[in-house]
Amino acid sequence: MAPPHHSPRRSTTSNPTDHIAQELPCAVQQPTAASSGRYETYAHVVFARSAGLSETTIRSLLAGNTDALEDVHELTHRFTTELLTAHRVSDATYDQALHAFGRDGVLDLVHLVAMYVEQAVMLNAFDTPAPRVDLQT
């Protein structure tokens, strides 16, 4: 049987999502938050604020506008969006991610997206409420 089209080997880092999770959370969180419930959206806004994103950028991302993202963040957002909407990543986007992150980095990114999706499923299944705070500022 032939291997999958994009088949990276397992990551060799101690925690496979550490470097991606620290550098790219907002770019990954926005597409996953778009399909998630109230609590996850709340948590992403809180995290984005603590990471120093401006209120304008946060509102823009919540509205689905990625113009504020640059370089690696835009690539990460595009990769994540393709994976979540088309259930695959185009060859062009995959090749760009492979060049930017390396094989282990791409695997880490996919792992991080999967973890966010798993969280969204759990939170949505139980309709986890968000604290009463202003998310739209």
C-alpha atoms as a PDB file:
ATOM      1  CA  MET A   1       0.000   0.000   0.000  1.00  0.00           C
ATOM      2  CA  ALA A   2       1.346   3.416  -0.941  1.00  0.00           C
ATOM      3  CA  PRO A   3       1.903   5.943   1.875  1.00  0.00           C
ATOM      4  CA  PRO A   4      -0.448   8.945   2.132  1.00  0.00           C
ATOM      5  CA  HIS A   5       0.365  11.888  -0.139  1.00  0.00           C
ATOM      6  CA  HIS A   6       1.708  13.990   2.742  1.00  0.00           C
ATOM      7  CA  SER A   7       3.052  11.563   5.316  1.00  0.00           C
ATOM      8  CA  PRO A   8       5.469  13.151   7.788  1.00  0.00           C
ATOM      9  CA  ARG A   9       7.229  10.960  10.295  1.00  0.00           C
ATOM     10  CA  ARG A  10       6.354  11.328  13.936  1.00  0.00           C
ATOM     11  CA  SER A  11       7.834  14.406  15.576  1.00  0.00           C
ATOM     12  CA  THR A  12      11.004  13.941  17.573  1.00  0.00           C
ATOM     13  CA  THR A  13      10.448  16.938  19.857  1.00  0.00           C
ATOM     14  CA  SER A  14       9.663  16.266  23.512  1.00  0.00           C
ATOM     15  CA  ASN A  15       6.284  17.984  23.227  1.00  0.00           C
ATOM     16  CA  PRO A  16       5.345  18.085  19.567  1.00  0.00           C
ATOM     17  CA  THR A  17       3.304  21.276  19.752  1.00  0.00           C
ATOM     18  CA  ASP A  18       5.561  23.486  21.906  1.00  0.00           C
ATOM     19  CA  HIS A  19       7.209  25.668  19.273  1.00  0.00           C
ATOM     20  CA  ILE A  20       4.127  25.948  17.059  1.00  0.00           C
ATOM     21  CA  ALA A  21       1.806  26.533  20.015  1.00  0.00           C
ATOM     22  CA  GLN A  22       3.942  29.378  21.301  1.00  0.00           C
ATOM     23  CA  GLU A  23       4.429  31.124  17.958  1.00  0.00           C
ATOM     24  CA  LEU A  24       1.162  30.672  16.100  1.00  0.00           C
ATOM     25  CA  PRO A  25      -1.806  30.249  18.425  1.00  0.00           C
ATOM     26  CA  CYS A  26      -3.954  33.087  17.124  1.00  0.00           C
ATOM     27  CA  ALA A  27      -3.581  32.024  13.510  1.00  0.00           C
ATOM     28  CA  VAL A  28      -4.694  28.504  14.411  1.00  0.00           C
ATOM     29  CA  GLN A  29      -7.304  29.507  16.944  1.00  0.00           C
ATOM     30  CA  GLN A  30      -9.265  31.857  14.711  1.00  0.00           C
ATOM     31  CA  PRO A  31     -10.418  29.237  12.187  1.00  0.00           C
ATOM     32  CA  THR A  32     -11.191  26.748  14.940  1.00  0.00           C
ATOM     33  CA  ALA A  33     -12.976  29.396  16.984  1.00  0.00           C
ATOM     34  CA  ALA A  34     -15.135  30.304  14.012  1.00  0.00           C
ATOM     35  CA  SER A  35     -16.862  26.943  14.284  1.00  0.00           C
ATOM     36  CA  SER A  36     -16.797  26.636  18.039  1.00  0.00           C
ATOM     37  CA  GLY A  37     -19.017  27.685  20.866  1.00  0.00           C
ATOM     38  CA  ARG A  38     -19.132  30.586  23.215  1.00  0.00           C
ATOM     39  CA  TYR A  39     -16.540  29.399  25.701  1.00  0.00           C
ATOM     40  CA  GLU A  40     -13.852  28.706  23.131  1.00  0.00           C
ATOM     41  CA  THR A  41     -14.411  32.057  21.432  1.00  0.00           C
ATOM     42  CA  TYR A  42     -14.166  33.738  24.835  1.00  0.00           C
ATOM     43  CA  ALA A  43     -10.942  31.862  25.661  1.00  0.00           C
ATOM     44  CA  HIS A  44      -9.387  32.767  22.296  1.00  0.00           C
ATOM     45  CA  VAL A  45     -10.173  36.443  22.780  1.00  0.00           C
ATOM     46  CA  VAL A  46      -8.643  36.398  26.258  1.00  0.00           C
ATOM     47  CA  PHE A  47      -5.548  34.636  24.912  1.00  0.00           C
ATOM     48  CA  ALA A  48      -5.242  37.029  21.959  1.00  0.00           C
ATOM     49  CA  ARG A  49      -5.389  40.012  24.313  1.00  0.00           C
ATOM     50  CA  SER A  50      -2.751  38.510  26.605  1.00  0.00           C
ATOM     51  CA  ALA A  51      -0.558  37.852  23.541  1.00  0.00           C
ATOM     52  CA  GLY A  52      -0.712  41.561  22.725  1.00  0.00           C
ATOM     53  CA  LEU A  53      -3.032  41.578  19.723  1.00  0.00           C
ATOM     54  CA  SER A  54      -4.809  44.881  19.260  1.00  0.00           C
ATOM     55  CA  GLU A  55      -8.557  45.058  19.734  1.00  0.00           C
ATOM     56  CA  THR A  56      -8.853  45.969  16.051  1.00  0.00           C
ATOM     57  CA  THR A  57      -6.963  42.820  15.039  1.00  0.00           C
ATOM     58  CA  ILE A  58      -9.048  40.673  17.392  1.00  0.00           C
ATOM     59  CA  ARG A  59     -12.321  42.050  16.002  1.00  0.00           C
ATOM     60  CA  SER A  60     -11.014  41.568  12.476  1.00  0.00           C
ATOM     61  CA  LEU A  61     -10.066  37.933  13.136  1.00  0.00           C
ATOM     62  CA  LEU A  62     -13.409  37.212  14.801  1.00  0.00           C
ATOM     63  CA  ALA A  63     -15.084  38.552  11.673  1.00  0.00           C
ATOM     64  CA  GLY A  64     -12.974  36.212   9.525  1.00  0.00           C
ATOM     65  CA  ASN A  65     -10.733  38.932   8.085  1.00  0.00           C
ATOM     66  CA  THR A  66      -7.096  37.852   7.934  1.00  0.00           C
ATOM     67  CA  ASP A  67      -5.616  41.032   6.440  1.00  0.00           C
ATOM     68  CA  ALA A  68      -3.850  41.760   9.744  1.00  0.00           C
ATOM     69  CA  LEU A  69      -1.928  38.468   9.563  1.00  0.00           C
ATOM     70  CA  GLU A  70       1.479  38.433   7.926  1.00  0.00           C
ATOM     71  CA  ASP A  71       3.932  35.842   6.667  1.00  0.00           C
ATOM     72  CA  VAL A  72       3.993  32.701   8.790  1.00  0.00           C
ATOM     73  CA  HIS A  73       0.748  33.584  10.590  1.00  0.00           C
ATOM     74  CA  GLU A  74      -1.129  33.974   7.319  1.00  0.00           C
ATOM     75  CA  LEU A  75       0.311  30.680   6.085  1.00  0.00           C
ATOM     76  CA  THR A  76      -0.694  28.948   9.315  1.00  0.00           C
ATOM     77  CA  HIS A  77      -4.195  30.394   9.106  1.00  0.00           C
ATOM     78  CA  ARG A  78      -4.542  29.330   5.460  1.00  0.00           C
ATOM     79  CA  PHE A  79      -3.245  25.818   6.221  1.00  0.00           C
ATOM     80  CA  THR A  80      -5.670  25.481   9.131  1.00  0.00           C
ATOM     81  CA  THR A  81      -8.623  26.874   7.201  1.00  0.00           C
ATOM     82  CA  GLU A  82      -8.003  24.545   4.256  1.00  0.00           C
ATOM     83  CA  LEU A  83      -7.690  21.565   6.567  1.00  0.00           C
ATOM     84  CA  LEU A  84     -10.909  22.383   8.426  1.00  0.00           C
ATOM     85  CA  THR A  85     -13.030  23.369   5.431  1.00  0.00           C
ATOM     86  CA  ALA A  86     -11.769  21.142   2.603  1.00  0.00           C
ATOM     87  CA  HIS A  87     -10.579  18.355   4.942  1.00  0.00           C
ATOM     88  CA  ARG A  88      -7.240  18.429   3.141  1.00  0.00           C
ATOM     89  CA  VAL A  89      -4.469  20.898   2.404  1.00  0.00           C
ATOM     90  CA  SER A  90      -3.597  21.930  -1.150  1.00  0.00           C
ATOM     91  CA  ASP A  91      -0.207  20.921  -2.475  1.00  0.00           C
ATOM     92  CA  ALA A  92       0.836  24.580  -2.731  1.00  0.00           C
ATOM     93  CA  THR A  93      -0.065  25.363   0.885  1.00  0.00           C
ATOM     94  CA  TYR A  94       1.483  22.120   2.118  1.00  0.00           C
ATOM     95  CA  ASP A  95       4.722  22.840   0.248  1.00  0.00           C
ATOM     96  CA  GLN A  96       4.862  26.368   1.677  1.00  0.00           C
ATOM     97  CA  ALA A  97       4.289  25.035   5.199  1.00  0.00           C
ATOM     98  CA  LEU A  98       6.922  22.348   4.686  1.00  0.00           C
ATOM     99  CA  HIS A  99       9.402  25.012   3.601  1.00  0.00           C
ATOM    100  CA  ALA A 100       8.489  27.342   6.500  1.00  0.00           C
ATOM    101  CA  PHE A 101       8.187  24.794   9.330  1.00  0.00           C
ATOM    102  CA  GLY A 102       9.930  21.623   8.195  1.00  0.00           C
ATOM    103  CA  ARG A 103       8.374  18.150   8.394  1.00  0.00           C
ATOM    104  CA  ASP A 104       8.188  18.081  12.189  1.00  0.00           C
ATOM    105  CA  GLY A 105       6.693  21.570  12.240  1.00  0.00           C
ATOM    106  CA  VAL A 106       3.931  20.583   9.812  1.00  0.00           C
ATOM    107  CA  LEU A 107       3.159  17.545  11.935  1.00  0.00           C
ATOM    108  CA  ASP A 108       3.128  19.756  15.034  1.00  0.00           C
ATOM    109  CA  LEU A 109       0.753  22.172  13.321  1.00  0.00           C
ATOM    110  CA  VAL A 110      -1.663  19.389  12.352  1.00  0.00           C
ATOM    111  CA  HIS A 111      -1.479  18.025  15.899  1.00  0.00           C
ATOM    112  CA  LEU A 112      -2.234  21.469  17.345  1.00  0.00           C
ATOM    113  CA  VAL A 113      -5.224  21.936  15.010  1.00  0.00           C
ATOM    114  CA  ALA A 114      -6.526  18.499  16.024  1.00  0.00           C
ATOM    115  CA  MET A 115      -6.239  19.406  19.702  1.00  0.00           C
ATOM    116  CA  TYR A 116      -8.205  22.625  19.170  1.00  0.00           C
ATOM    117  CA  VAL A 117     -10.888  20.776  17.208  1.00  0.00           C
ATOM    118  CA  GLU A 118     -11.152  18.168  19.967  1.00  0.00           C
ATOM    119  CA  GLN A 119     -11.599  20.931  22.545  1.00  0.00           C
ATOM    120  CA  ALA A 120     -14.272  22.595  20.424  1.00  0.00           C
ATOM    121  CA  VAL A 121     -16.198  19.325  20.101  1.00  0.00           C
ATOM    122  CA  MET A 122     -16.139  18.746  23.846  1.00  0.00           C
ATOM    123  CA  LEU A 123     -17.128  22.311  24.707  1.00  0.00           C
ATOM    124  CA  ASN A 124     -19.888  22.381  22.091  1.00  0.00           C
ATOM    125  CA  ALA A 125     -21.301  18.992  23.083  1.00  0.00           C
ATOM    126  CA  PHE A 126     -21.963  20.283  26.574  1.00  0.00           C
ATOM    127  CA  ASP A 127     -22.752  23.861  25.518  1.00  0.00           C
ATOM    128  CA  THR A 128     -20.135  25.205  27.906  1.00  0.00           C
ATOM    129  CA  PRO A 129     -21.046  28.808  28.717  1.00  0.00           C
ATOM    130  CA  ALA A 130     -18.544  31.657  28.623  1.00  0.00           C
ATOM    131  CA  PRO A 131     -18.158  34.126  31.455  1.00  0.00           C
ATOM    132  CA  ARG A 132     -20.120  37.303  30.885  1.00  0.00           C
ATOM    133  CA  VAL A 133     -17.530  39.616  29.354  1.00  0.00           C
ATOM    134  CA  ASP A 134     -17.414  41.940  26.375  1.00  0.00           C
ATOM    135  CA  LEU A 135     -15.792  40.014  23.519  1.00  0.00           C
ATOM    136  CA  GLN A 136     -16.454  42.602  20.840  1.00  0.00           C
ATOM    137  CA  THR A 137     -14.845  45.573  22.703  1.00  0.00           C
END
